[in-house]
N, C-alpha and C. Protein backbone atom coordinates (compact mmCIF):
# COMPACT_ATOMS: atom_id res chain seq x y z
N MET A 1 35.52 178.69 -24.44
CA MET A 1 35.15 177.51 -23.67
C MET A 1 34.69 178.28 -22.28
N GLY A 2 33.02 178.55 -21.90
CA GLY A 2 32.95 179.11 -20.45
C GLY A 2 33.05 179.30 -19.50
N THR A 3 33.09 179.89 -18.63
CA THR A 3 33.10 179.98 -17.67
C THR A 3 32.23 179.66 -16.05
N LYS A 4 32.35 178.88 -15.30
CA LYS A 4 31.27 178.43 -14.25
C LYS A 4 31.58 179.80 -13.53
N SER A 5 29.85 180.87 -12.99
CA SER A 5 29.73 181.43 -12.48
C SER A 5 29.77 181.34 -10.73
N ARG A 6 30.34 182.27 -9.89
CA ARG A 6 30.88 182.23 -8.90
C ARG A 6 29.75 183.32 -7.81
N TYR A 7 29.42 182.18 -7.16
CA TYR A 7 28.51 183.19 -5.64
C TYR A 7 29.03 183.81 -4.87
N GLN A 8 28.96 184.94 -4.56
CA GLN A 8 29.23 185.63 -3.62
C GLN A 8 28.16 184.57 -1.92
N VAL A 9 29.15 184.74 -0.85
CA VAL A 9 28.94 184.24 0.46
C VAL A 9 28.78 185.73 1.09
N LYS A 10 27.54 185.56 1.53
CA LYS A 10 26.58 186.57 3.01
C LYS A 10 27.15 185.72 3.87
N VAL A 11 26.95 185.89 5.59
CA VAL A 11 26.71 185.82 6.92
C VAL A 11 25.97 186.73 7.82
N ASN A 12 24.71 185.57 8.11
CA ASN A 12 23.86 186.23 8.85
C ASN A 12 25.35 186.89 10.61
N HIS A 13 25.47 188.33 10.47
CA HIS A 13 26.05 188.60 12.05
C HIS A 13 25.90 187.35 12.97
N LEU A 14 25.25 186.46 12.82
CA LEU A 14 24.64 185.99 14.91
C LEU A 14 25.14 185.15 14.25
N VAL A 15 25.54 184.88 13.05
CA VAL A 15 26.16 183.67 12.85
C VAL A 15 28.10 183.49 13.13
N ARG A 16 28.20 184.30 13.23
CA ARG A 16 29.53 185.13 13.68
C ARG A 16 29.54 185.76 14.56
N GLU A 17 29.19 185.61 15.64
CA GLU A 17 28.68 185.94 17.37
C GLU A 17 28.46 184.92 18.03
N GLU A 18 27.06 184.32 17.49
CA GLU A 18 26.83 184.15 18.42
C GLU A 18 26.91 181.81 17.90
N ASP A 19 26.81 181.50 17.30
CA ASP A 19 27.08 180.10 16.38
C ASP A 19 29.07 179.22 16.68
N LEU A 20 29.43 180.35 15.98
CA LEU A 20 30.81 179.87 15.77
C LEU A 20 31.52 180.21 17.58
N PRO A 21 31.31 181.05 18.00
CA PRO A 21 32.41 180.57 19.11
C PRO A 21 31.93 179.51 20.12
N GLN A 22 30.76 178.85 19.35
CA GLN A 22 30.04 177.62 19.94
C GLN A 22 30.88 176.45 20.09
N LEU A 23 31.49 176.49 18.71
CA LEU A 23 31.72 175.09 17.99
C LEU A 23 32.97 175.00 18.08
N SER A 24 33.90 174.25 17.74
CA SER A 24 34.95 173.06 18.42
C SER A 24 36.28 173.96 17.16
N GLU A 25 37.18 173.92 17.19
CA GLU A 25 37.74 174.73 16.33
C GLU A 25 38.17 174.39 15.17
N GLY A 26 37.94 172.68 14.89
CA GLY A 26 37.55 172.01 13.48
C GLY A 26 36.68 172.07 12.76
N LEU A 27 35.31 172.73 13.49
CA LEU A 27 33.83 173.46 13.00
C LEU A 27 34.33 174.57 12.49
N ARG A 28 34.95 175.39 13.20
CA ARG A 28 35.13 176.84 12.41
C ARG A 28 36.09 176.79 11.53
N LYS A 29 37.19 175.90 11.27
CA LYS A 29 38.42 175.59 10.16
C LYS A 29 36.87 174.88 9.19
N ASP A 30 36.74 174.87 9.91
CA ASP A 30 35.19 173.65 8.24
C ASP A 30 34.52 174.70 7.36
N PHE A 31 33.90 175.82 8.78
CA PHE A 31 33.60 177.08 8.36
C PHE A 31 34.27 177.94 7.40
N GLU A 32 35.66 178.24 7.60
CA GLU A 32 35.71 179.12 6.36
C GLU A 32 36.31 178.19 4.88
N TYR A 33 35.96 176.90 5.38
CA TYR A 33 36.07 176.17 4.10
C TYR A 33 35.55 176.36 2.99
N PHE A 34 33.58 175.63 3.99
CA PHE A 34 32.82 175.36 3.48
C PHE A 34 32.14 177.29 2.84
N CYS A 35 32.89 178.57 3.55
CA CYS A 35 32.43 180.07 2.27
C CYS A 35 33.44 180.40 2.14
N ASN A 36 34.70 180.16 2.19
CA ASN A 36 35.83 180.65 0.73
C ASN A 36 35.81 179.54 -0.37
N SER A 37 35.20 177.98 -0.59
CA SER A 37 35.21 177.05 -1.40
C SER A 37 34.48 176.41 -2.07
N ILE A 38 33.38 175.60 -1.22
CA ILE A 38 31.75 175.18 -1.88
C ILE A 38 31.24 175.89 -1.45
N PHE A 39 30.65 176.72 -1.50
CA PHE A 39 29.59 177.82 -1.06
C PHE A 39 30.37 178.52 -2.05
N VAL A 40 31.23 179.10 -2.64
CA VAL A 40 31.57 179.85 -3.52
C VAL A 40 31.62 179.07 -4.97
N GLU A 41 32.14 177.89 -5.36
CA GLU A 41 31.72 176.97 -6.25
C GLU A 41 30.19 175.95 -6.60
N ASP A 42 29.75 175.40 -5.59
CA ASP A 42 29.15 174.69 -5.66
C ASP A 42 27.84 174.30 -4.70
N PRO A 43 27.03 175.39 -4.79
CA PRO A 43 26.20 175.84 -3.41
C PRO A 43 25.52 174.36 -4.02
N TYR A 44 24.97 174.15 -4.57
CA TYR A 44 23.73 173.34 -4.65
C TYR A 44 24.56 171.45 -4.50
N ASN A 45 25.21 171.13 -5.14
CA ASN A 45 25.78 170.00 -4.62
C ASN A 45 27.07 169.56 -3.57
N CYS A 46 27.59 171.07 -2.91
CA CYS A 46 28.80 170.63 -2.18
C CYS A 46 29.89 170.22 -2.28
N LEU A 47 30.32 170.54 -4.15
CA LEU A 47 31.67 169.28 -4.35
C LEU A 47 30.93 167.92 -3.34
N GLY A 48 30.18 167.29 -3.45
CA GLY A 48 29.90 166.02 -3.09
C GLY A 48 29.27 165.98 -1.61
N LEU A 49 29.90 166.77 -0.84
CA LEU A 49 29.70 166.82 0.87
C LEU A 49 28.05 166.77 0.73
N ASP A 50 27.58 165.48 2.27
CA ASP A 50 26.10 166.12 1.89
C ASP A 50 24.49 166.72 2.54
N ASN A 51 24.28 167.57 1.43
CA ASN A 51 23.41 167.54 2.10
C ASN A 51 22.01 167.43 2.27
N HIS A 52 20.99 168.37 2.01
CA HIS A 52 19.72 169.07 1.67
C HIS A 52 18.80 170.26 1.57
N THR A 53 17.81 169.99 0.95
CA THR A 53 16.46 170.91 0.41
C THR A 53 15.81 170.73 2.11
N LEU A 54 15.40 171.85 2.69
CA LEU A 54 14.64 171.92 4.08
C LEU A 54 12.99 172.09 2.84
N LYS A 55 12.80 171.73 4.54
CA LYS A 55 10.71 171.24 3.92
C LYS A 55 10.16 172.05 5.31
N GLY A 56 8.86 172.63 4.99
CA GLY A 56 8.29 173.74 5.81
C GLY A 56 8.19 174.73 6.07
N ASP A 57 9.18 175.47 7.44
CA ASP A 57 9.51 176.47 7.90
C ASP A 57 10.68 177.10 7.28
N LEU A 58 11.27 176.27 6.26
CA LEU A 58 12.74 176.25 6.03
C LEU A 58 12.84 175.99 5.14
N ARG A 59 11.49 176.24 3.95
CA ARG A 59 11.08 176.04 2.79
C ARG A 59 11.94 177.00 1.81
N GLY A 60 12.88 176.27 1.09
CA GLY A 60 13.51 177.39 0.13
C GLY A 60 15.11 177.46 0.67
N TYR A 61 15.32 177.04 1.67
CA TYR A 61 16.80 177.55 2.53
C TYR A 61 17.03 175.83 2.26
N CYS A 62 18.46 175.52 2.31
CA CYS A 62 19.46 173.74 2.73
C CYS A 62 20.27 173.76 3.01
N ALA A 63 20.58 172.39 3.86
CA ALA A 63 22.01 172.18 4.97
C ALA A 63 22.95 171.27 4.60
N LEU A 64 23.80 171.36 4.94
CA LEU A 64 25.13 171.05 4.90
C LEU A 64 25.32 170.38 5.88
N GLU A 65 25.31 168.64 5.61
CA GLU A 65 25.42 167.75 6.81
C GLU A 65 26.35 167.74 6.92
N ILE A 66 26.42 168.03 8.43
CA ILE A 66 28.13 167.65 8.67
C ILE A 66 28.63 166.85 10.96
N ASP A 67 29.72 166.25 10.69
CA ASP A 67 29.21 165.08 11.52
C ASP A 67 30.61 165.11 11.95
N GLU A 68 30.97 165.13 13.39
CA GLU A 68 31.68 165.08 14.06
C GLU A 68 32.11 164.69 15.36
N ASN A 69 32.26 163.57 15.59
CA ASN A 69 32.88 162.86 16.78
C ASN A 69 31.57 162.32 17.16
N GLY A 70 30.99 161.74 15.87
CA GLY A 70 29.23 161.82 16.57
C GLY A 70 28.14 162.49 16.82
N VAL A 71 28.60 163.80 16.71
CA VAL A 71 27.75 164.39 17.18
C VAL A 71 27.01 165.31 15.15
N SER A 72 25.95 165.11 15.22
CA SER A 72 25.64 165.98 13.83
C SER A 72 24.91 167.39 14.10
N TYR A 73 25.73 167.62 13.03
CA TYR A 73 25.77 169.35 13.42
C TYR A 73 24.83 170.01 11.95
N ARG A 74 23.94 170.78 11.47
CA ARG A 74 24.05 171.41 10.11
C ARG A 74 24.50 172.82 10.09
N LEU A 75 24.23 172.85 9.01
CA LEU A 75 25.05 174.32 8.57
C LEU A 75 23.48 174.84 7.59
N VAL A 76 23.37 175.55 7.74
CA VAL A 76 21.71 176.18 7.06
C VAL A 76 22.06 177.35 6.30
N TYR A 77 21.71 177.62 4.72
CA TYR A 77 21.67 178.21 3.97
C TYR A 77 20.73 178.60 3.29
N ARG A 78 20.44 179.80 2.64
CA ARG A 78 20.08 179.94 1.06
C ARG A 78 20.62 180.29 -0.35
N ILE A 79 20.00 180.15 -1.29
CA ILE A 79 20.60 180.52 -2.71
C ILE A 79 19.69 181.43 -3.42
N TYR A 80 20.94 181.97 -3.66
CA TYR A 80 19.98 183.15 -4.35
C TYR A 80 20.13 183.29 -5.97
N GLU A 81 19.87 183.01 -6.75
CA GLU A 81 20.19 182.66 -7.44
C GLU A 81 20.19 184.61 -8.79
N LYS A 82 19.03 185.66 -8.20
CA LYS A 82 18.84 186.40 -8.30
C LYS A 82 18.00 187.33 -7.86
N PRO A 83 18.22 188.97 -7.00
CA PRO A 83 18.54 189.59 -8.53
C PRO A 83 20.72 189.34 -8.39
N ALA A 84 20.80 189.04 -9.71
CA ALA A 84 22.38 189.63 -9.25
C ALA A 84 23.16 190.58 -8.29
N PRO A 85 24.25 189.66 -7.92
CA PRO A 85 25.21 188.89 -8.01
C PRO A 85 24.33 187.51 -7.45
N LYS A 86 24.76 186.30 -8.09
CA LYS A 86 24.41 184.70 -7.29
C LYS A 86 25.03 185.31 -5.80
N ARG A 87 24.05 184.34 -5.21
CA ARG A 87 25.08 184.96 -3.59
C ARG A 87 23.93 183.41 -3.31
N VAL A 88 24.93 183.19 -2.27
CA VAL A 88 25.04 182.03 -0.95
C VAL A 88 24.45 183.34 0.88
N PHE A 89 23.29 182.93 1.36
CA PHE A 89 23.02 183.32 2.48
C PHE A 89 23.23 182.47 3.35
N ILE A 90 23.81 182.27 4.51
CA ILE A 90 23.79 181.46 5.52
C ILE A 90 23.64 182.45 7.03
N LEU A 91 22.81 180.75 7.18
CA LEU A 91 21.93 181.30 8.63
C LEU A 91 22.17 180.93 9.91
N SER A 92 22.42 179.59 9.61
CA SER A 92 22.77 179.64 11.14
C SER A 92 24.35 177.81 11.08
N PHE A 93 24.68 177.62 12.56
CA PHE A 93 25.81 176.93 11.75
C PHE A 93 25.82 176.11 13.72
N ALA A 94 25.16 175.23 14.16
CA ALA A 94 25.21 174.40 15.17
C ALA A 94 24.36 172.63 14.96
N GLU A 95 23.74 172.79 16.45
CA GLU A 95 24.30 171.23 16.42
C GLU A 95 22.44 170.78 15.71
N HIS A 96 22.61 169.98 15.59
CA HIS A 96 20.88 169.80 13.90
C HIS A 96 20.01 170.06 14.36
N ASP A 97 19.21 169.80 15.59
CA ASP A 97 17.85 170.77 16.11
C ASP A 97 17.95 172.28 16.06
N LEU A 98 19.16 172.19 16.61
CA LEU A 98 19.35 174.23 17.43
C LEU A 98 19.81 175.09 16.19
N ALA A 99 20.50 174.35 15.02
CA ALA A 99 20.51 174.76 14.28
C ALA A 99 18.93 175.06 12.67
N TYR A 100 18.44 174.21 13.44
CA TYR A 100 17.15 174.21 12.31
C TYR A 100 16.03 175.26 13.06
N GLU A 101 16.24 175.91 14.70
CA GLU A 101 15.75 176.35 15.32
C GLU A 101 15.76 177.13 15.48
N LYS A 102 17.14 177.95 15.19
CA LYS A 102 17.92 179.51 14.75
C LYS A 102 18.11 179.80 14.13
N ALA A 103 17.72 178.93 12.56
CA ALA A 103 17.33 179.56 11.39
C ALA A 103 16.28 179.95 11.20
N LYS A 104 15.58 178.92 12.16
CA LYS A 104 13.34 179.73 12.06
C LYS A 104 13.46 181.30 12.42
N ASP A 105 14.49 181.58 13.34
CA ASP A 105 14.26 182.52 14.14
C ASP A 105 14.87 183.77 13.11
N ARG A 106 15.75 183.45 13.09
CA ARG A 106 16.77 184.70 11.72
C ARG A 106 16.34 184.57 10.44
N LYS A 107 15.88 184.18 9.94
CA LYS A 107 14.81 184.12 8.77
C LYS A 107 14.14 185.86 8.48
């Protein structure tokens, strides 16, 4: 029986320094869950959570769709299969438009 390869998760330092302090405690807890579970196990399908691949300036990146109290947030990330080890790099986490703006500036 084969085991599915897991992904390492790396986070842009600005996500921790700038993005997370601006988010609610609930979203900060969600972020830790995303990093320690979803992205480690299933970054392509996010264990069934809403996500999509991006186009244009952020082609090759993905966005996890998060809604809190009617506000749309996006966590922008990229999946790297090669070179080993497999990894997920998180670029931004903020309200919808701002998350994409930050991601473009940080890539």
